[in-house]
Amino acid sequence: ERIRETIREVAPDVTESVKYTMPLFQYQGTYLYV
């Protein structure tokens, strides 16, 4: 949850989903799986 909050702080418009059984954060063409 802290990682998620940090991502949202630096990229407020980030979109979230789950792919490959992991959270996926997408922002301006960059993807971060956690």
Full PDB file with SEQRES, HELIX, SHEET, SSBOND, CRYST1, ORIGX, SCALE, CONECT and MASTER records, all heavy atoms in Angstrom:
SEQRES   1 A   34  GLU ARG ILE ARG GLU THR ILE ARG GLU VAL ALA PRO ASP          
SEQRES   2 A   34  VAL THR GLU SER VAL LYS TYR THR MET PRO LEU PHE GLN          
SEQRES   3 A   34  TYR GLN GLY THR TYR LEU TYR VAL                              
HELIX    1 AA1 ARG A    2  VAL A   10  1                                   9    
SHEET    1 AA1 3 THR A  15  LYS A  19  0                                        
SHEET    2 AA1 3 MET A  22  TYR A  27 -1                                        
SHEET    3 AA1 3 THR A  30  TYR A  33 -1                                        
CRYST1    1.000    1.000    1.000  90.00  90.00  90.00 P 1           1          
ORIGX1      1.000000  0.000000  0.000000        0.00000                         
ORIGX2      0.000000  1.000000  0.000000        0.00000                         
ORIGX3      0.000000  0.000000  1.000000        0.00000                         
SCALE1      1.000000  0.000000  0.000000        0.00000                         
SCALE2      0.000000  1.000000  0.000000        0.00000                         
SCALE3      0.000000  0.000000  1.000000        0.00000                         
ATOM      1  N   GLU A   1       0.837  -1.207   0.000  1.00  0.00           N  
ATOM      2  CA  GLU A   1       0.000   0.000   0.000  1.00  0.00           C  
ATOM      3  C   GLU A   1       0.867   1.250   0.000  1.00  0.00           C  
ATOM      4  O   GLU A   1       0.535   2.238  -0.656  1.00  0.00           O  
ATOM      5  CB  GLU A   1      -0.958  -0.012   1.198  1.00  0.00           C  
ATOM      6  CG  GLU A   1      -2.049   1.015   1.097  1.00  0.00           C  
ATOM      7  CD  GLU A   1      -2.942   0.866  -0.140  1.00  0.00           C  
ATOM      8  OE1 GLU A   1      -3.425  -0.235  -0.426  1.00  0.00           O  
ATOM      9  OE2 GLU A   1      -3.144   1.891  -0.832  1.00  0.00           O  
ATOM     10  N   ARG A   2       1.977   1.226   0.694  1.00  0.00           N  
ATOM     11  CA  ARG A   2       2.910   2.371   0.689  1.00  0.00           C  
ATOM     12  C   ARG A   2       3.498   2.581  -0.710  1.00  0.00           C  
ATOM     13  O   ARG A   2       3.646   3.711  -1.162  1.00  0.00           O  
ATOM     14  CB  ARG A   2       4.044   2.153   1.700  1.00  0.00           C  
ATOM     15  CG  ARG A   2       3.629   2.188   3.165  1.00  0.00           C  
ATOM     16  CD  ARG A   2       3.164   3.578   3.613  1.00  0.00           C  
ATOM     17  NE  ARG A   2       4.033   4.642   3.189  1.00  0.00           N  
ATOM     18  CZ  ARG A   2       4.958   5.236   3.927  1.00  0.00           C  
ATOM     19  NH1 ARG A   2       5.126   4.893   5.162  1.00  0.00           N  
ATOM     20  NH2 ARG A   2       5.717   6.188   3.431  1.00  0.00           N  
ATOM     21  N   ILE A   3       3.847   1.503  -1.387  1.00  0.00           N  
ATOM     22  CA  ILE A   3       4.349   1.606  -2.761  1.00  0.00           C  
ATOM     23  C   ILE A   3       3.272   2.223  -3.644  1.00  0.00           C  
ATOM     24  O   ILE A   3       3.542   3.140  -4.432  1.00  0.00           O  
ATOM     25  CB  ILE A   3       4.784   0.221  -3.284  1.00  0.00           C  
ATOM     26  CG1 ILE A   3       6.033  -0.255  -2.537  1.00  0.00           C  
ATOM     27  CG2 ILE A   3       5.015   0.260  -4.796  1.00  0.00           C  
ATOM     28  CD1 ILE A   3       6.394  -1.698  -2.795  1.00  0.00           C  
ATOM     29  N   ARG A   4       2.060   1.752  -3.505  1.00  0.00           N  
ATOM     30  CA  ARG A   4       0.934   2.277  -4.288  1.00  0.00           C  
ATOM     31  C   ARG A   4       0.732   3.762  -4.021  1.00  0.00           C  
ATOM     32  O   ARG A   4       0.538   4.547  -4.948  1.00  0.00           O  
ATOM     33  CB  ARG A   4      -0.311   1.483  -3.911  1.00  0.00           C  
ATOM     34  CG  ARG A   4      -1.546   1.824  -4.678  1.00  0.00           C  
ATOM     35  CD  ARG A   4      -2.703   1.062  -4.071  1.00  0.00           C  
ATOM     36  NE  ARG A   4      -3.813   0.931  -4.981  1.00  0.00           N  
ATOM     37  CZ  ARG A   4      -4.969   0.406  -4.630  1.00  0.00           C  
ATOM     38  NH1 ARG A   4      -5.160  -0.070  -3.409  1.00  0.00           N  
ATOM     39  NH2 ARG A   4      -5.958   0.341  -5.487  1.00  0.00           N  
ATOM     40  N   GLU A   5       0.758   4.171  -2.758  1.00  0.00           N  
ATOM     41  CA  GLU A   5       0.597   5.584  -2.412  1.00  0.00           C  
ATOM     42  C   GLU A   5       1.712   6.438  -3.014  1.00  0.00           C  
ATOM     43  O   GLU A   5       1.457   7.539  -3.516  1.00  0.00           O  
ATOM     44  CB  GLU A   5       0.595   5.756  -0.890  1.00  0.00           C  
ATOM     45  CG  GLU A   5      -0.640   5.219  -0.212  1.00  0.00           C  
ATOM     46  CD  GLU A   5      -0.516   5.168   1.308  1.00  0.00           C  
ATOM     47  OE1 GLU A   5       0.515   5.644   1.850  1.00  0.00           O  
ATOM     48  OE2 GLU A   5      -1.434   4.639   1.942  1.00  0.00           O  
ATOM     49  N   THR A   6       2.925   5.927  -2.980  1.00  0.00           N  
ATOM     50  CA  THR A   6       4.067   6.659  -3.547  1.00  0.00           C  
ATOM     51  C   THR A   6       3.886   6.845  -5.051  1.00  0.00           C  
ATOM     52  O   THR A   6       4.121   7.930  -5.589  1.00  0.00           O  
ATOM     53  CB  THR A   6       5.377   5.924  -3.241  1.00  0.00           C  
ATOM     54  OG1 THR A   6       5.523   5.826  -1.819  1.00  0.00           O  
ATOM     55  CG2 THR A   6       6.574   6.663  -3.828  1.00  0.00           C  
ATOM     56  N   ILE A   7       3.461   5.793  -5.727  1.00  0.00           N  
ATOM     57  CA  ILE A   7       3.217   5.878  -7.170  1.00  0.00           C  
ATOM     58  C   ILE A   7       2.154   6.934  -7.454  1.00  0.00           C  
ATOM     59  O   ILE A   7       2.314   7.767  -8.345  1.00  0.00           O  
ATOM     60  CB  ILE A   7       2.811   4.501  -7.736  1.00  0.00           C  
ATOM     61  CG1 ILE A   7       4.000   3.545  -7.690  1.00  0.00           C  
ATOM     62  CG2 ILE A   7       2.262   4.638  -9.154  1.00  0.00           C  
ATOM     63  CD1 ILE A   7       3.647   2.100  -7.957  1.00  0.00           C  
ATOM     64  N   ARG A   8       1.080   6.926  -6.696  1.00  0.00           N  
ATOM     65  CA  ARG A   8       0.001   7.897  -6.900  1.00  0.00           C  
ATOM     66  C   ARG A   8       0.449   9.332  -6.601  1.00  0.00           C  
ATOM     67  O   ARG A   8      -0.047  10.271  -7.211  1.00  0.00           O  
ATOM     68  CB  ARG A   8      -1.199   7.543  -6.034  1.00  0.00           C  
ATOM     69  CG  ARG A   8      -1.944   6.327  -6.528  1.00  0.00           C  
ATOM     70  CD  ARG A   8      -3.090   6.022  -5.612  1.00  0.00           C  
ATOM     71  NE  ARG A   8      -3.937   4.967  -6.148  1.00  0.00           N  
ATOM     72  CZ  ARG A   8      -4.926   4.450  -5.476  1.00  0.00           C  
ATOM     73  NH1 ARG A   8      -5.225   4.856  -4.265  1.00  0.00           N  
ATOM     74  NH2 ARG A   8      -5.649   3.495  -6.017  1.00  0.00           N  
ATOM     75  N   GLU A   9       1.357   9.506  -5.641  1.00  0.00           N  
ATOM     76  CA  GLU A   9       1.857  10.851  -5.329  1.00  0.00           C  
ATOM     77  C   GLU A   9       2.639  11.436  -6.496  1.00  0.00           C  
ATOM     78  O   GLU A   9       2.502  12.609  -6.807  1.00  0.00           O  
ATOM     79  CB  GLU A   9       2.748  10.816  -4.086  1.00  0.00           C  
ATOM     80  CG  GLU A   9       1.987  10.672  -2.793  1.00  0.00           C  
ATOM     81  CD  GLU A   9       2.915  10.546  -1.598  1.00  0.00           C  
ATOM     82  OE1 GLU A   9       4.105  10.903  -1.692  1.00  0.00           O  
ATOM     83  OE2 GLU A   9       2.436  10.067  -0.550  1.00  0.00           O  
ATOM     84  N   VAL A  10       3.479  10.627  -7.129  1.00  0.00           N  
ATOM     85  CA  VAL A  10       4.310  11.138  -8.218  1.00  0.00           C  
ATOM     86  C   VAL A  10       3.604  11.102  -9.564  1.00  0.00           C  
ATOM     87  O   VAL A  10       4.009  11.796 -10.486  1.00  0.00           O  
ATOM     88  CB  VAL A  10       5.667  10.416  -8.300  1.00  0.00           C  
ATOM     89  CG1 VAL A  10       6.464  10.627  -7.032  1.00  0.00           C  
ATOM     90  CG2 VAL A  10       5.503   8.940  -8.593  1.00  0.00           C  
ATOM     91  N   ALA A  11       2.559  10.288  -9.683  1.00  0.00           N  
ATOM     92  CA  ALA A  11       1.810  10.182 -10.938  1.00  0.00           C  
ATOM     93  C   ALA A  11       0.320  10.086 -10.618  1.00  0.00           C  
ATOM     94  O   ALA A  11      -0.264   9.001 -10.670  1.00  0.00           O  
ATOM     95  CB  ALA A  11       2.282   8.966 -11.733  1.00  0.00           C  
ATOM     96  N   PRO A  12      -0.309  11.214 -10.290  1.00  0.00           N  
ATOM     97  CA  PRO A  12      -1.714  11.184  -9.871  1.00  0.00           C  
ATOM     98  C   PRO A  12      -2.674  10.589 -10.905  1.00  0.00           C  
ATOM     99  O   PRO A  12      -3.723  10.071 -10.546  1.00  0.00           O  
ATOM    100  CB  PRO A  12      -2.054  12.647  -9.611  1.00  0.00           C  
ATOM    101  CG  PRO A  12      -0.766  13.370  -9.530  1.00  0.00           C  
ATOM    102  CD  PRO A  12       0.248  12.550 -10.258  1.00  0.00           C  
ATOM    103  N   ASP A  13      -2.326  10.651 -12.180  1.00  0.00           N  
ATOM    104  CA  ASP A  13      -3.197  10.136 -13.234  1.00  0.00           C  
ATOM    105  C   ASP A  13      -2.903   8.678 -13.600  1.00  0.00           C  
ATOM    106  O   ASP A  13      -3.373   8.194 -14.627  1.00  0.00           O  
ATOM    107  CB  ASP A  13      -3.077  11.005 -14.486  1.00  0.00           C  
ATOM    108  CG  ASP A  13      -3.551  12.428 -14.242  1.00  0.00           C  
ATOM    109  OD1 ASP A  13      -4.421  12.622 -13.371  1.00  0.00           O  
ATOM    110  OD2 ASP A  13      -3.037  13.344 -14.903  1.00  0.00           O  
ATOM    111  N   VAL A  14      -2.141   7.988 -12.780  1.00  0.00           N  
ATOM    112  CA  VAL A  14      -1.791   6.596 -13.054  1.00  0.00           C  
ATOM    113  C   VAL A  14      -3.057   5.747 -13.097  1.00  0.00           C  
ATOM    114  O   VAL A  14      -4.023   6.008 -12.389  1.00  0.00           O  
ATOM    115  CB  VAL A  14      -0.794   6.062 -11.989  1.00  0.00           C  
ATOM    116  CG1 VAL A  14      -1.453   5.914 -10.630  1.00  0.00           C  
ATOM    117  CG2 VAL A  14      -0.153   4.773 -12.442  1.00  0.00           C  
ATOM    118  N   THR A  15      -3.063   4.753 -13.980  1.00  0.00           N  
ATOM    119  CA  THR A  15      -4.162   3.795 -14.007  1.00  0.00           C  
ATOM    120  C   THR A  15      -3.653   2.473 -13.448  1.00  0.00           C  
ATOM    121  O   THR A  15      -2.484   2.128 -13.596  1.00  0.00           O  
ATOM    122  CB  THR A  15      -4.722   3.582 -15.425  1.00  0.00           C  
ATOM    123  OG1 THR A  15      -3.682   3.098 -16.269  1.00  0.00           O  
ATOM    124  CG2 THR A  15      -5.294   4.868 -15.986  1.00  0.00           C  
ATOM    125  N   GLU A  16      -4.552   1.753 -12.804  1.00  0.00           N  
ATOM    126  CA  GLU A  16      -4.203   0.494 -12.163  1.00  0.00           C  
ATOM    127  C   GLU A  16      -5.003  -0.647 -12.776  1.00  0.00           C  
ATOM    128  O   GLU A  16      -6.155  -0.480 -13.133  1.00  0.00           O  
ATOM    129  CB  GLU A  16      -4.551   0.527 -10.676  1.00  0.00           C  
ATOM    130  CG  GLU A  16      -3.851   1.556  -9.881  1.00  0.00           C  
ATOM    131  CD  GLU A  16      -4.275   1.521  -8.410  1.00  0.00           C  
ATOM    132  OE1 GLU A  16      -5.269   0.840  -8.074  1.00  0.00           O  
ATOM    133  OE2 GLU A  16      -3.604   2.170  -7.606  1.00  0.00           O  
ATOM    134  N   SER A  17      -4.366  -1.791 -12.848  1.00  0.00           N  
ATOM    135  CA  SER A  17      -5.043  -3.016 -13.237  1.00  0.00           C  
ATOM    136  C   SER A  17      -4.210  -4.176 -12.696  1.00  0.00           C  
ATOM    137  O   SER A  17      -3.203  -3.965 -12.035  1.00  0.00           O  
ATOM    138  CB  SER A  17      -5.192  -3.106 -14.763  1.00  0.00           C  
ATOM    139  OG  SER A  17      -3.929  -3.088 -15.391  1.00  0.00           O  
ATOM    140  N   VAL A  18      -4.642  -5.378 -12.976  1.00  0.00           N  
ATOM    141  CA  VAL A  18      -3.877  -6.561 -12.600  1.00  0.00           C  
ATOM    142  C   VAL A  18      -3.636  -7.360 -13.865  1.00  0.00           C  
ATOM    143  O   VAL A  18      -4.573  -7.718 -14.574  1.00  0.00           O  
ATOM    144  CB  VAL A  18      -4.607  -7.405 -11.536  1.00  0.00           C  
ATOM    145  CG1 VAL A  18      -3.841  -8.687 -11.255  1.00  0.00           C  
ATOM    146  CG2 VAL A  18      -4.795  -6.603 -10.258  1.00  0.00           C  
ATOM    147  N   LYS A  19      -2.377  -7.601 -14.165  1.00  0.00           N  
ATOM    148  CA  LYS A  19      -1.973  -8.405 -15.328  1.00  0.00           C  
ATOM    149  C   LYS A  19      -0.909  -9.382 -14.865  1.00  0.00           C  
ATOM    150  O   LYS A  19      -0.065  -9.032 -14.025  1.00  0.00           O  
ATOM    151  CB  LYS A  19      -1.389  -7.529 -16.441  1.00  0.00           C  
ATOM    152  CG  LYS A  19      -2.310  -6.460 -16.947  1.00  0.00           C  
ATOM    153  CD  LYS A  19      -3.338  -7.022 -17.875  1.00  0.00           C  
ATOM    154  CE  LYS A  19      -4.117  -5.857 -18.465  1.00  0.00           C  
ATOM    155  NZ  LYS A  19      -5.421  -6.185 -18.863  1.00  0.00           N  
ATOM    156  N   TYR A  20      -0.926 -10.583 -15.407  1.00  0.00           N  
ATOM    157  CA  TYR A  20       0.037 -11.614 -15.010  1.00  0.00           C  
ATOM    158  C   TYR A  20       0.021 -11.812 -13.500  1.00  0.00           C  
ATOM    159  O   TYR A  20       1.057 -12.031 -12.877  1.00  0.00           O  
ATOM    160  CB  TYR A  20       1.448 -11.283 -15.502  1.00  0.00           C  
ATOM    161  CG  TYR A  20       1.523 -11.059 -16.986  1.00  0.00           C  
ATOM    162  CD1 TYR A  20       1.779  -9.799 -17.507  1.00  0.00           C  
ATOM    163  CD2 TYR A  20       1.308 -12.116 -17.868  1.00  0.00           C  
ATOM    164  CE1 TYR A  20       1.839  -9.586 -18.873  1.00  0.00           C  
ATOM    165  CE2 TYR A  20       1.362 -11.908 -19.236  1.00  0.00           C  
ATOM    166  CZ  TYR A  20       1.630 -10.647 -19.733  1.00  0.00           C  
ATOM    167  OH  TYR A  20       1.692 -10.449 -21.083  1.00  0.00           O  
ATOM    168  N   THR A  21      -1.142 -11.700 -12.893  1.00  0.00           N  
ATOM    169  CA  THR A  21      -1.391 -11.863 -11.455  1.00  0.00           C  
ATOM    170  C   THR A  21      -0.666 -10.839 -10.590  1.00  0.00           C  
ATOM    171  O   THR A  21      -0.513 -11.042  -9.395  1.00  0.00           O  
ATOM    172  CB  THR A  21      -1.070 -13.297 -10.949  1.00  0.00           C  
ATOM    173  OG1 THR A  21       0.333 -13.513 -10.936  1.00  0.00           O  
ATOM    174  CG2 THR A  21      -1.790 -14.345 -11.767  1.00  0.00           C  
ATOM    175  N   MET A  22      -0.223  -9.724 -11.177  1.00  0.00           N  
ATOM    176  CA  MET A  22       0.459  -8.669 -10.417  1.00  0.00           C  
ATOM    177  C   MET A  22      -0.196  -7.321 -10.690  1.00  0.00           C  
ATOM    178  O   MET A  22      -0.679  -7.079 -11.803  1.00  0.00           O  
ATOM    179  CB  MET A  22       1.932  -8.561 -10.838  1.00  0.00           C  
ATOM    180  CG  MET A  22       2.781  -9.736 -10.463  1.00  0.00           C  
ATOM    181  SD  MET A  22       4.521  -9.446 -10.864  1.00  0.00           S  
ATOM    182  CE  MET A  22       4.478  -9.512 -12.650  1.00  0.00           C  
ATOM    183  N   PRO A  23      -0.172  -6.414  -9.716  1.00  0.00           N  
ATOM    184  CA  PRO A  23      -0.626  -5.055  -9.983  1.00  0.00           C  
ATOM    185  C   PRO A  23       0.216  -4.423 -11.093  1.00  0.00           C  
ATOM    186  O   PRO A  23       1.432  -4.598 -11.143  1.00  0.00           O  
ATOM    187  CB  PRO A  23      -0.398  -4.332  -8.657  1.00  0.00           C  
ATOM    188  CG  PRO A  23      -0.496  -5.402  -7.639  1.00  0.00           C  
ATOM    189  CD  PRO A  23       0.145  -6.598  -8.299  1.00  0.00           C  
ATOM    190  N   LEU A  24      -0.475  -3.721 -11.968  1.00  0.00           N  
ATOM    191  CA  LEU A  24       0.175  -3.009 -13.069  1.00  0.00           C  
ATOM    192  C   LEU A  24      -0.239  -1.553 -12.978  1.00  0.00           C  
ATOM    193  O   LEU A  24      -1.434  -1.236 -12.927  1.00  0.00           O  
ATOM    194  CB  LEU A  24      -0.261  -3.588 -14.416  1.00  0.00           C  
ATOM    195  CG  LEU A  24       0.129  -2.794 -15.663  1.00  0.00           C  
ATOM    196  CD1 LEU A  24       1.637  -2.699 -15.803  1.00  0.00           C  
ATOM    197  CD2 LEU A  24      -0.495  -3.416 -16.903  1.00  0.00           C  
ATOM    198  N   PHE A  25       0.741  -0.671 -12.952  1.00  0.00           N  
ATOM    199  CA  PHE A  25       0.504   0.765 -12.928  1.00  0.00           C  
ATOM    200  C   PHE A  25       0.970   1.321 -14.268  1.00  0.00           C  
ATOM    201  O   PHE A  25       2.111   1.091 -14.676  1.00  0.00           O  
ATOM    202  CB  PHE A  25       1.275   1.421 -11.777  1.00  0.00           C  
ATOM    203  CG  PHE A  25       0.855   0.894 -10.434  1.00  0.00           C  
ATOM    204  CD1 PHE A  25       1.500  -0.196  -9.871  1.00  0.00           C  
ATOM    205  CD2 PHE A  25      -0.199   1.471  -9.751  1.00  0.00           C  
ATOM    206  CE1 PHE A  25       1.110  -0.700  -8.645  1.00  0.00           C  
ATOM    207  CE2 PHE A  25      -0.602   0.978  -8.520  1.00  0.00           C  
ATOM    208  CZ  PHE A  25       0.052  -0.109  -7.965  1.00  0.00           C  
ATOM    209  N   GLN A  26       0.066   2.038 -14.957  1.00  0.00           N  
ATOM    210  CA  GLN A  26       0.376   2.585 -16.280  1.00  0.00           C  
ATOM    211  C   GLN A  26       0.312   4.101 -16.227  1.00  0.00           C  
ATOM    212  O   GLN A  26      -0.659   4.674 -15.710  1.00  0.00           O  
ATOM    213  CB  GLN A  26      -0.633   2.095 -17.309  1.00  0.00           C  
ATOM    214  CG  GLN A  26      -0.611   0.605 -17.491  1.00  0.00           C  
ATOM    215  CD  GLN A  26      -1.720   0.149 -18.405  1.00  0.00           C  
ATOM    216  OE1 GLN A  26      -2.869   0.081 -17.988  1.00  0.00           O  
ATOM    217  NE2 GLN A  26      -1.366  -0.160 -19.642  1.00  0.00           N  
ATOM    218  N   TYR A  27       1.348   4.747 -16.792  1.00  0.00           N  
ATOM    219  CA  TYR A  27       1.396   6.204 -16.817  1.00  0.00           C  
ATOM    220  C   TYR A  27       2.190   6.665 -18.027  1.00  0.00           C  
ATOM    221  O   TYR A  27       3.370   6.345 -18.157  1.00  0.00           O  
ATOM    222  CB  TYR A  27       2.037   6.738 -15.532  1.00  0.00           C  
ATOM    223  CG  TYR A  27       2.082   8.238 -15.455  1.00  0.00           C  
ATOM    224  CD1 TYR A  27       0.925   8.975 -15.228  1.00  0.00           C  
ATOM    225  CD2 TYR A  27       3.273   8.919 -15.621  1.00  0.00           C  
ATOM    226  CE1 TYR A  27       0.955  10.347 -15.155  1.00  0.00           C  
ATOM    227  CE2 TYR A  27       3.316  10.302 -15.551  1.00  0.00           C  
ATOM    228  CZ  TYR A  27       2.160  11.007 -15.322  1.00  0.00           C  
ATOM    229  OH  TYR A  27       2.201  12.372 -15.266  1.00  0.00           O  
ATOM    230  N   GLN A  28       1.535   7.354 -18.920  1.00  0.00           N  
ATOM    231  CA  GLN A  28       2.164   7.954 -20.103  1.00  0.00           C  
ATOM    232  C   GLN A  28       3.062   6.974 -20.849  1.00  0.00           C  
ATOM    233  O   GLN A  28       4.200   7.262 -21.182  1.00  0.00           O  
ATOM    234  CB  GLN A  28       2.951   9.195 -19.704  1.00  0.00           C  
ATOM    235  CG  GLN A  28       2.084  10.301 -19.161  1.00  0.00           C  
ATOM    236  CD  GLN A  28       2.845  11.565 -18.820  1.00  0.00           C  
ATOM    237  OE1 GLN A  28       4.079  11.602 -18.852  1.00  0.00           O  
ATOM    238  NE2 GLN A  28       2.117  12.602 -18.495  1.00  0.00           N  
ATOM    239  N   GLY A  29       2.568   5.786 -21.110  1.00  0.00           N  
ATOM    240  CA  GLY A  29       3.307   4.805 -21.890  1.00  0.00           C  
ATOM    241  C   GLY A  29       4.337   4.010 -21.118  1.00  0.00           C  
ATOM    242  O   GLY A  29       5.023   3.170 -21.683  1.00  0.00           O  
ATOM    243  N   THR A  30       4.481   4.279 -19.841  1.00  0.00           N  
ATOM    244  CA  THR A  30       5.406   3.536 -19.003  1.00  0.00           C  
ATOM    245  C   THR A  30       4.596   2.624 -18.093  1.00  0.00           C  
ATOM    246  O   THR A  30       3.545   3.011 -17.595  1.00  0.00           O  
ATOM    247  CB  THR A  30       6.273   4.494 -18.157  1.00  0.00           C  
ATOM    248  OG1 THR A  30       7.000   5.348 -19.037  1.00  0.00           O  
ATOM    249  CG2 THR A  30       7.246   3.735 -17.280  1.00  0.00           C  
ATOM    250  N   TYR A  31       5.084   1.433 -17.892  1.00  0.00           N  
ATOM    251  CA  TYR A  31       4.379   0.441 -17.100  1.00  0.00           C  
ATOM    252  C   TYR A  31       5.262  -0.005 -15.939  1.00  0.00           C  
ATOM    253  O   TYR A  31       6.469  -0.150 -16.093  1.00  0.00           O  
ATOM    254  CB  TYR A  31       4.056  -0.797 -17.945  1.00  0.00           C  
ATOM    255  CG  TYR A  31       3.261  -0.485 -19.180  1.00  0.00           C  
ATOM    256  CD1 TYR A  31       3.883  -0.161 -20.381  1.00  0.00           C  
ATOM    257  CD2 TYR A  31       1.873  -0.510 -19.142  1.00  0.00           C  
ATOM    258  CE1 TYR A  31       3.143   0.125 -21.520  1.00  0.00           C  
ATOM    259  CE2 TYR A  31       1.128  -0.225 -20.272  1.00  0.00           C  
ATOM    260  CZ  TYR A  31       1.766   0.090 -21.452  1.00  0.00           C  
ATOM    261  OH  TYR A  31       1.040   0.380 -22.572  1.00  0.00           O  
ATOM    262  N   LEU A  32       4.629  -0.244 -14.798  1.00  0.00           N  
ATOM    263  CA  LEU A  32       5.341  -0.782 -13.649  1.00  0.00           C  
ATOM    264  C   LEU A  32       4.503  -1.903 -13.044  1.00  0.00           C  
ATOM    265  O   LEU A  32       3.391  -1.657 -12.575  1.00  0.00           O  
ATOM    266  CB  LEU A  32       5.607   0.297 -12.593  1.00  0.00           C  
ATOM    267  CG  LEU A  32       6.279  -0.196 -11.308  1.00  0.00           C  
ATOM    268  CD1 LEU A  32       7.698  -0.701 -11.602  1.00  0.00           C  
ATOM    269  CD2 LEU A  32       6.308   0.897 -10.263  1.00  0.00           C  
ATOM    270  N   TYR A  33       5.047  -3.101 -13.110  1.00  0.00           N  
ATOM    271  CA  TYR A  33       4.441  -4.233 -12.427  1.00  0.00           C  
ATOM    272  C   TYR A  33       5.048  -4.304 -11.034  1.00  0.00           C  
ATOM    273  O   TYR A  33       6.247  -4.080 -10.859  1.00  0.00           O  
ATOM    274  CB  TYR A  33       4.756  -5.548 -13.153  1.00  0.00           C  
ATOM    275  CG  TYR A  33       4.069  -5.708 -14.478  1.00  0.00           C  
ATOM    276  CD1 TYR A  33       4.666  -5.275 -15.656  1.00  0.00           C  
ATOM    277  CD2 TYR A  33       2.821  -6.304 -14.547  1.00  0.00           C  
ATOM    278  CE1 TYR A  33       4.032  -5.433 -16.877  1.00  0.00           C  
ATOM    279  CE2 TYR A  33       2.177  -6.473 -15.766  1.00  0.00           C  
ATOM    280  CZ  TYR A  33       2.796  -6.031 -16.930  1.00  0.00           C  
ATOM    281  OH  TYR A  33       2.160  -6.191 -18.140  1.00  0.00           O  
ATOM    282  N   VAL A  34       4.225  -4.638 -10.037  1.00  0.00           N  
ATOM    283  CA  VAL A  34       4.698  -4.791  -8.668  1.00  0.00           C  
ATOM    284  C   VAL A  34       4.170  -6.125  -8.162  1.00  0.00           C  
ATOM    285  O   VAL A  34       2.960  -6.341  -8.131  1.00  0.00           O  
ATOM    286  CB  VAL A  34       4.205  -3.643  -7.760  1.00  0.00           C  
ATOM    287  CG1 VAL A  34       4.769  -3.801  -6.365  1.00  0.00           C  
ATOM    288  CG2 VAL A  34       4.585  -2.283  -8.342  1.00  0.00           C  
TER     289      VAL A  34                                                      
MASTER        0    0    0    1    3    0    0    6  288    1    0    3          
END                                                                             
